[in-house]
């Protein structure tokens, strides 16, 4: 049986895809202004940001909300 989540707009979207979209749209500097976390403001990279966001639910929520607001 397939697990469907029609009310979850992030279903099937990977965190890496979300982060790459936001970096391409805003760039690291603007992303760091919009969401003030060190992984965006001090020597940012996709790899280090993903590692931090996977372990930090409140930061991940902010990133996901910005992604949803940006569409």
C-alpha atoms as a PDB file:
ATOM      1  CA  UNK A   1       0.000   0.000   0.000  1.00  0.00           C
ATOM      2  CA  UNK A   2       1.329   3.400  -0.974  1.00  0.00           C
ATOM      3  CA  UNK A   3       1.812   5.971   1.794  1.00  0.00           C
ATOM      4  CA  UNK A   4       0.150   9.165   0.531  1.00  0.00           C
ATOM      5  CA  UNK A   5       0.031  12.461   2.344  1.00  0.00           C
ATOM      6  CA  UNK A   6      -2.178  14.784   0.301  1.00  0.00           C
ATOM      7  CA  UNK A   7      -2.194  17.509   2.969  1.00  0.00           C
ATOM      8  CA  UNK A   8       1.601  17.606   3.333  1.00  0.00           C
ATOM      9  CA  UNK A   9       3.092  19.925   0.685  1.00  0.00           C
ATOM     10  CA  UNK A  10       6.598  18.718   1.556  1.00  0.00           C
ATOM     11  CA  UNK A  11       5.837  15.023   1.026  1.00  0.00           C
ATOM     12  CA  UNK A  12       8.421  13.572  -1.335  1.00  0.00           C
ATOM     13  CA  UNK A  13      10.648  16.667  -1.267  1.00  0.00           C
ATOM     14  CA  UNK A  14      14.102  15.985   0.151  1.00  0.00           C
ATOM     15  CA  UNK A  15      15.791  18.417   2.509  1.00  0.00           C
ATOM     16  CA  UNK A  16      18.734  18.661   0.090  1.00  0.00           C
ATOM     17  CA  UNK A  17      16.354  19.753  -2.701  1.00  0.00           C
ATOM     18  CA  UNK A  18      14.805  22.379  -0.435  1.00  0.00           C
ATOM     19  CA  UNK A  19      18.192  23.760   0.562  1.00  0.00           C
ATOM     20  CA  UNK A  20      19.501  23.834  -3.019  1.00  0.00           C
ATOM     21  CA  UNK A  21      16.359  25.653  -4.157  1.00  0.00           C
ATOM     22  CA  UNK A  22      16.735  28.285  -1.439  1.00  0.00           C
ATOM     23  CA  UNK A  23      20.446  28.804  -2.091  1.00  0.00           C
ATOM     24  CA  UNK A  24      19.799  29.180  -5.828  1.00  0.00           C
ATOM     25  CA  UNK A  25      16.944  31.589  -5.225  1.00  0.00           C
ATOM     26  CA  UNK A  26      18.396  33.759  -2.442  1.00  0.00           C
ATOM     27  CA  UNK A  27      22.109  32.978  -2.174  1.00  0.00           C
ATOM     28  CA  UNK A  28      23.862  32.270   1.117  1.00  0.00           C
ATOM     29  CA  UNK A  29      24.030  35.889   2.255  1.00  0.00           C
ATOM     30  CA  UNK A  30      20.302  36.571   1.867  1.00  0.00           C
ATOM     31  CA  UNK A  31      19.425  33.138   3.245  1.00  0.00           C
ATOM     32  CA  UNK A  32      21.499  33.955   6.338  1.00  0.00           C
ATOM     33  CA  UNK A  33      19.600  37.225   6.730  1.00  0.00           C
ATOM     34  CA  UNK A  34      16.225  35.537   6.408  1.00  0.00           C
ATOM     35  CA  UNK A  35      17.149  32.642   8.719  1.00  0.00           C
ATOM     36  CA  UNK A  36      19.927  33.698  11.066  1.00  0.00           C
ATOM     37  CA  UNK A  37      21.729  30.445  11.774  1.00  0.00           C
ATOM     38  CA  UNK A  38      25.498  29.974  11.671  1.00  0.00           C
ATOM     39  CA  UNK A  39      25.473  27.266   9.018  1.00  0.00           C
ATOM     40  CA  UNK A  40      24.166  29.955   6.623  1.00  0.00           C
ATOM     41  CA  UNK A  41      26.318  32.865   7.810  1.00  0.00           C
ATOM     42  CA  UNK A  42      29.751  31.390   8.635  1.00  0.00           C
ATOM     43  CA  UNK A  43      31.496  29.484   5.811  1.00  0.00           C
ATOM     44  CA  UNK A  44      28.247  27.988   4.440  1.00  0.00           C
ATOM     45  CA  UNK A  45      28.017  24.808   2.392  1.00  0.00           C
ATOM     46  CA  UNK A  46      25.229  22.451   1.417  1.00  0.00           C
ATOM     47  CA  UNK A  47      26.903  19.545   3.231  1.00  0.00           C
ATOM     48  CA  UNK A  48      27.422  21.309   6.566  1.00  0.00           C
ATOM     49  CA  UNK A  49      23.978  22.913   6.439  1.00  0.00           C
ATOM     50  CA  UNK A  50      22.280  19.573   5.766  1.00  0.00           C
ATOM     51  CA  UNK A  51      24.115  17.980   8.677  1.00  0.00           C
ATOM     52  CA  UNK A  52      22.986  20.764  11.021  1.00  0.00           C
ATOM     53  CA  UNK A  53      19.392  20.867   9.757  1.00  0.00           C
ATOM     54  CA  UNK A  54      18.956  17.109  10.072  1.00  0.00           C
ATOM     55  CA  UNK A  55      19.839  17.322  13.777  1.00  0.00           C
ATOM     56  CA  UNK A  56      18.012  20.570  14.590  1.00  0.00           C
ATOM     57  CA  UNK A  57      14.215  20.412  14.195  1.00  0.00           C
ATOM     58  CA  UNK A  58      13.517  24.117  14.893  1.00  0.00           C
ATOM     59  CA  UNK A  59      15.986  25.209  12.196  1.00  0.00           C
ATOM     60  CA  UNK A  60      14.657  22.666   9.716  1.00  0.00           C
ATOM     61  CA  UNK A  61      11.136  23.975  10.315  1.00  0.00           C
ATOM     62  CA  UNK A  62      12.275  27.524   9.510  1.00  0.00           C
ATOM     63  CA  UNK A  63      13.923  26.336   6.288  1.00  0.00           C
ATOM     64  CA  UNK A  64      10.859  24.330   5.251  1.00  0.00           C
ATOM     65  CA  UNK A  65       8.559  27.289   5.958  1.00  0.00           C
ATOM     66  CA  UNK A  66      10.721  29.635   3.873  1.00  0.00           C
ATOM     67  CA  UNK A  67      10.656  27.067   1.072  1.00  0.00           C
ATOM     68  CA  UNK A  68       6.856  26.876   1.193  1.00  0.00           C
ATOM     69  CA  UNK A  69       6.558  30.687   1.272  1.00  0.00           C
ATOM     70  CA  UNK A  70       8.916  30.953  -1.711  1.00  0.00           C
ATOM     71  CA  UNK A  71       6.699  28.983  -4.082  1.00  0.00           C
END
